[in-house]
Amino acid sequence: MPQGHERPPPALPAIDAPTIDAWTDAIATGEIAPIGTVFSSVGASGPEVIWRPGAEHLKYRPLRFLLDYWTSLAAGREMPRADEIDAIDMRPALGFIILVDVVEGGANFRYRLFGSALASASGFDMTGRLVTDHRASPHVHGFYLAAYRAALRRREPLFTNHGPSQAVRTKAWHRLVLPFVNDAGTIVRFLVGTIPLSRNGTPLIGRY
């Protein structure tokens, strides 16, 4: 390589529909090694996937609070209804909350709310936009899309942890995905608690 020239970053792989389908299957079964191979190839870390996480899996208080909130709201049912979500009740986690609506049975997902702390950490606000419009790298929003589809299939809470390859400020993102249903029992929304970690591994913003 000529002196004074840096090696270009690795090309990001195309994340097409068959790949999303395969990743959905992988996340649903917990066999995520193929996803990890793609992440590793572009310098990203993870992902980690835990179905039905307990408090012991959630290092940060906003995520533990949201799991308790979801469990209490369900009150012994399989999961709570979307119309039972109350922003006032979620004040301990505000800023770290994403609300995602299911579009066309899971063909896509739309951000109803993108928390202010997360918009600050990301450098953009996804409120009103689709997951497929996400400004993260293709492997990241491909993972998000597959994770939501897997959660639709399994009808269970999901914890994920991954590190982006090209982010300047963030080292990892801890995410808790909690499903909500309509009166017919169909999952129509996800409440997602998200904690971004800085490059030194400490929480980037806010109360933890």
Protein backbone atom coordinates (compact mmCIF):
# COMPACT_ATOMS: atom_id res chain seq x y z
CA MET A 1 0.00 0.00 0.00
CA PRO A 2 1.47 3.41 -0.94
CA GLN A 3 2.87 5.39 1.97
CA GLY A 4 0.47 8.03 3.26
CA HIS A 5 -2.63 6.17 2.09
CA GLU A 6 -4.96 4.56 4.58
CA ARG A 7 -6.68 1.25 3.93
CA PRO A 8 -10.33 1.91 2.96
CA PRO A 9 -12.99 0.58 5.34
CA PRO A 10 -14.46 -2.83 4.45
CA ALA A 11 -17.40 -2.78 2.08
CA LEU A 12 -20.71 -3.27 3.86
CA PRO A 13 -22.60 -6.32 2.60
CA ALA A 14 -25.95 -5.96 0.90
CA ILE A 15 -28.71 -6.99 3.32
CA ASP A 16 -31.41 -8.21 0.95
CA ALA A 17 -34.80 -9.81 1.59
CA PRO A 18 -33.52 -13.43 1.71
CA THR A 19 -30.86 -12.36 4.21
CA ILE A 20 -33.48 -10.69 6.41
CA ASP A 21 -35.57 -13.87 6.27
CA ALA A 22 -32.56 -15.97 7.28
CA TRP A 23 -31.66 -13.56 10.07
CA THR A 24 -35.24 -13.64 11.35
CA ASP A 25 -35.03 -17.43 11.59
CA ALA A 26 -31.62 -17.18 13.28
CA ILE A 27 -32.81 -14.70 15.92
CA ALA A 28 -36.03 -16.64 16.55
CA THR A 29 -34.05 -19.83 17.20
CA GLY A 30 -31.11 -18.17 18.97
CA GLU A 31 -28.68 -19.56 16.38
CA ILE A 32 -27.14 -16.21 15.50
CA ALA A 33 -23.63 -17.21 14.42
CA PRO A 34 -24.29 -16.29 10.76
CA ILE A 35 -25.30 -12.78 11.81
CA GLY A 36 -22.21 -12.49 13.98
CA THR A 37 -20.05 -13.42 10.99
CA VAL A 38 -21.45 -10.49 9.00
CA PHE A 39 -21.06 -8.10 11.93
CA SER A 40 -17.46 -9.23 12.47
CA SER A 41 -16.63 -8.83 8.76
CA VAL A 42 -17.34 -5.10 8.98
CA GLY A 43 -15.72 -4.52 12.37
CA ALA A 44 -18.95 -4.57 14.39
CA SER A 45 -19.44 -6.50 17.63
CA GLY A 46 -22.15 -8.95 18.59
CA PRO A 47 -25.00 -9.30 18.35
CA GLU A 48 -26.19 -10.90 21.57
CA VAL A 49 -29.78 -12.17 21.74
CA ILE A 50 -31.67 -13.19 24.91
CA TRP A 51 -35.33 -14.20 24.81
CA ARG A 52 -37.47 -13.50 27.87
CA PRO A 53 -34.67 -11.65 29.68
CA GLY A 54 -34.79 -11.25 33.44
CA ALA A 55 -33.53 -8.36 35.53
CA GLU A 56 -30.16 -10.13 35.79
CA HIS A 57 -29.65 -9.61 32.05
CA LEU A 58 -30.40 -5.88 32.19
CA LYS A 59 -27.49 -3.83 33.50
CA TYR A 60 -29.15 -0.40 33.32
CA ARG A 61 -32.04 0.88 35.42
CA PRO A 62 -34.25 2.22 32.59
CA LEU A 63 -34.36 -1.25 31.01
CA ARG A 64 -35.15 -2.97 34.31
CA PHE A 65 -37.86 -0.41 34.95
CA LEU A 66 -39.44 -1.02 31.54
CA LEU A 67 -39.42 -4.78 32.02
CA ASP A 68 -41.17 -4.35 35.38
CA TYR A 69 -43.62 -1.88 33.79
CA TRP A 70 -44.47 -4.32 30.97
CA THR A 71 -44.88 -7.24 33.40
CA SER A 72 -47.09 -5.22 35.74
CA LEU A 73 -49.20 -3.93 32.86
CA ALA A 74 -49.72 -7.44 31.52
CA ALA A 75 -51.16 -8.43 34.93
CA GLY A 76 -50.85 -12.14 34.24
CA ARG A 77 -51.89 -11.95 30.57
CA GLU A 78 -49.59 -13.02 27.76
CA MET A 79 -48.79 -9.35 27.09
CA PRO A 80 -50.38 -5.90 27.58
CA ARG A 81 -52.49 -3.99 25.07
CA ALA A 82 -51.00 -1.11 23.11
CA ASP A 83 -53.72 1.28 24.28
CA GLU A 84 -52.59 0.73 27.87
CA ILE A 85 -49.24 2.45 27.32
CA ASP A 86 -49.06 5.69 29.31
CA ALA A 87 -46.08 8.00 28.86
CA ILE A 88 -46.56 9.47 32.34
CA ASP A 89 -46.11 6.04 33.89
CA MET A 90 -42.83 5.60 32.00
CA ARG A 91 -41.14 8.80 33.20
CA PRO A 92 -38.12 6.99 34.76
CA ALA A 93 -37.18 5.80 31.26
CA LEU A 94 -38.27 8.75 29.09
CA GLY A 95 -35.61 9.75 26.60
CA PHE A 96 -34.54 6.12 26.21
CA ILE A 97 -37.85 4.86 24.80
CA ILE A 98 -38.72 3.96 21.23
CA LEU A 99 -42.25 3.04 20.16
CA VAL A 100 -42.42 0.99 16.97
CA ASP A 101 -45.67 0.24 15.13
CA VAL A 102 -46.06 -2.94 13.07
CA VAL A 103 -46.70 -2.16 9.39
CA GLU A 104 -48.51 -4.65 7.13
CA GLY A 105 -48.10 -7.60 9.49
CA GLY A 106 -44.34 -7.13 9.83
CA ALA A 107 -43.39 -6.23 6.28
CA ASN A 108 -41.95 -3.11 7.90
CA PHE A 109 -42.09 -1.14 11.16
CA ARG A 110 -42.60 2.58 11.76
CA TYR A 111 -41.11 4.64 14.58
CA ARG A 112 -43.99 6.29 16.41
CA LEU A 113 -41.54 7.76 18.94
CA PHE A 114 -37.76 7.99 18.99
CA GLY A 115 -36.49 9.08 22.41
CA SER A 116 -34.67 12.38 22.78
CA ALA A 117 -31.59 10.84 24.41
CA LEU A 118 -31.36 8.34 21.58
CA ALA A 119 -31.76 11.01 18.91
CA SER A 120 -28.94 12.94 20.59
CA ALA A 121 -26.69 9.86 20.68
CA SER A 122 -27.53 8.89 17.08
CA GLY A 123 -27.38 12.37 15.61
CA PHE A 124 -30.80 11.91 13.99
CA ASP A 125 -34.47 11.42 14.91
CA MET A 126 -36.38 8.53 13.33
CA THR A 127 -39.85 9.54 14.57
CA GLY A 128 -42.40 8.89 11.81
CA ARG A 129 -39.96 6.97 9.63
CA LEU A 130 -39.67 3.29 8.72
CA VAL A 131 -37.04 0.90 10.01
CA THR A 132 -35.93 0.40 6.40
CA ASP A 133 -35.21 4.15 6.28
CA HIS A 134 -32.85 3.91 9.26
CA ARG A 135 -29.63 5.85 8.79
CA ALA A 136 -27.50 3.19 10.49
CA SER A 137 -25.38 0.80 8.43
CA PRO A 138 -27.32 -1.80 6.39
CA HIS A 139 -26.33 -4.68 8.69
CA VAL A 140 -27.65 -2.76 11.71
CA HIS A 141 -31.08 -1.81 10.39
CA GLY A 142 -31.26 -5.27 8.81
CA PHE A 143 -30.72 -6.73 12.27
CA TYR A 144 -33.40 -4.44 13.72
CA LEU A 145 -35.90 -5.51 11.06
CA ALA A 146 -35.15 -9.20 11.60
CA ALA A 147 -35.32 -8.83 15.40
CA TYR A 148 -38.78 -7.25 15.27
CA ARG A 149 -40.02 -9.96 12.91
CA ALA A 150 -38.61 -12.65 15.20
CA ALA A 151 -40.35 -11.01 18.18
CA LEU A 152 -43.62 -11.08 16.22
CA ARG A 153 -43.12 -14.78 15.68
CA ARG A 154 -42.13 -15.70 19.23
CA ARG A 155 -44.45 -13.22 20.99
CA GLU A 156 -41.90 -12.71 23.76
CA PRO A 157 -39.71 -9.92 25.15
CA LEU A 158 -36.25 -9.76 23.61
CA PHE A 159 -32.93 -8.28 24.74
CA THR A 160 -30.20 -7.54 22.22
CA ASN A 161 -26.75 -6.04 22.47
CA HIS A 162 -24.62 -5.03 19.50
CA GLY A 163 -21.83 -2.65 18.60
CA PRO A 164 -21.79 -0.59 15.39
CA SER A 165 -18.78 -0.62 13.08
CA GLN A 166 -18.57 3.01 12.00
CA ALA A 167 -20.06 5.05 14.84
CA VAL A 168 -17.83 7.76 16.25
CA ARG A 169 -19.47 8.15 19.66
CA THR A 170 -21.05 4.80 20.51
CA LYS A 171 -19.53 1.42 21.29
CA ALA A 172 -22.68 -0.61 21.93
CA TRP A 173 -26.46 -0.44 22.12
CA HIS A 174 -28.43 -2.38 24.72
CA ARG A 175 -32.05 -2.86 23.59
CA LEU A 176 -35.09 -4.35 25.32
CA VAL A 177 -37.98 -5.10 22.95
CA LEU A 178 -41.42 -5.49 24.59
CA PRO A 179 -44.50 -6.51 22.55
CA PHE A 180 -48.00 -5.05 22.87
CA VAL A 181 -51.22 -6.34 21.28
CA ASN A 182 -54.59 -5.06 20.10
CA ASP A 183 -57.95 -6.37 21.32
CA ALA A 184 -57.67 -9.32 18.93
CA GLY A 185 -54.35 -10.40 20.43
CA THR A 186 -52.28 -9.34 17.41
CA ILE A 187 -48.96 -7.64 18.16
CA VAL A 188 -49.26 -4.11 16.82
CA ARG A 189 -46.54 -2.19 18.70
CA PHE A 190 -43.19 -2.65 20.40
CA LEU A 191 -41.95 -0.62 23.34
CA VAL A 192 -38.16 -0.56 23.02
CA GLY A 193 -35.85 0.62 25.78
CA THR A 194 -32.41 1.48 24.45
CA ILE A 195 -29.18 2.40 26.22
CA PRO A 196 -26.22 3.63 24.11
CA LEU A 197 -22.71 3.10 25.46
CA SER A 198 -19.81 5.41 24.71
CA ARG A 199 -16.53 4.31 23.12
CA ASN A 200 -15.05 3.70 26.59
CA GLY A 201 -17.94 1.40 27.47
CA THR A 202 -19.82 3.72 29.83
CA PRO A 203 -23.42 4.94 29.33
CA LEU A 204 -23.38 7.85 26.91
CA ILE A 205 -26.29 9.97 28.12
CA GLY A 206 -28.62 10.41 31.03
CA ARG A 207 -29.68 8.47 34.12
CA TYR A 208 -28.53 4.90 34.63
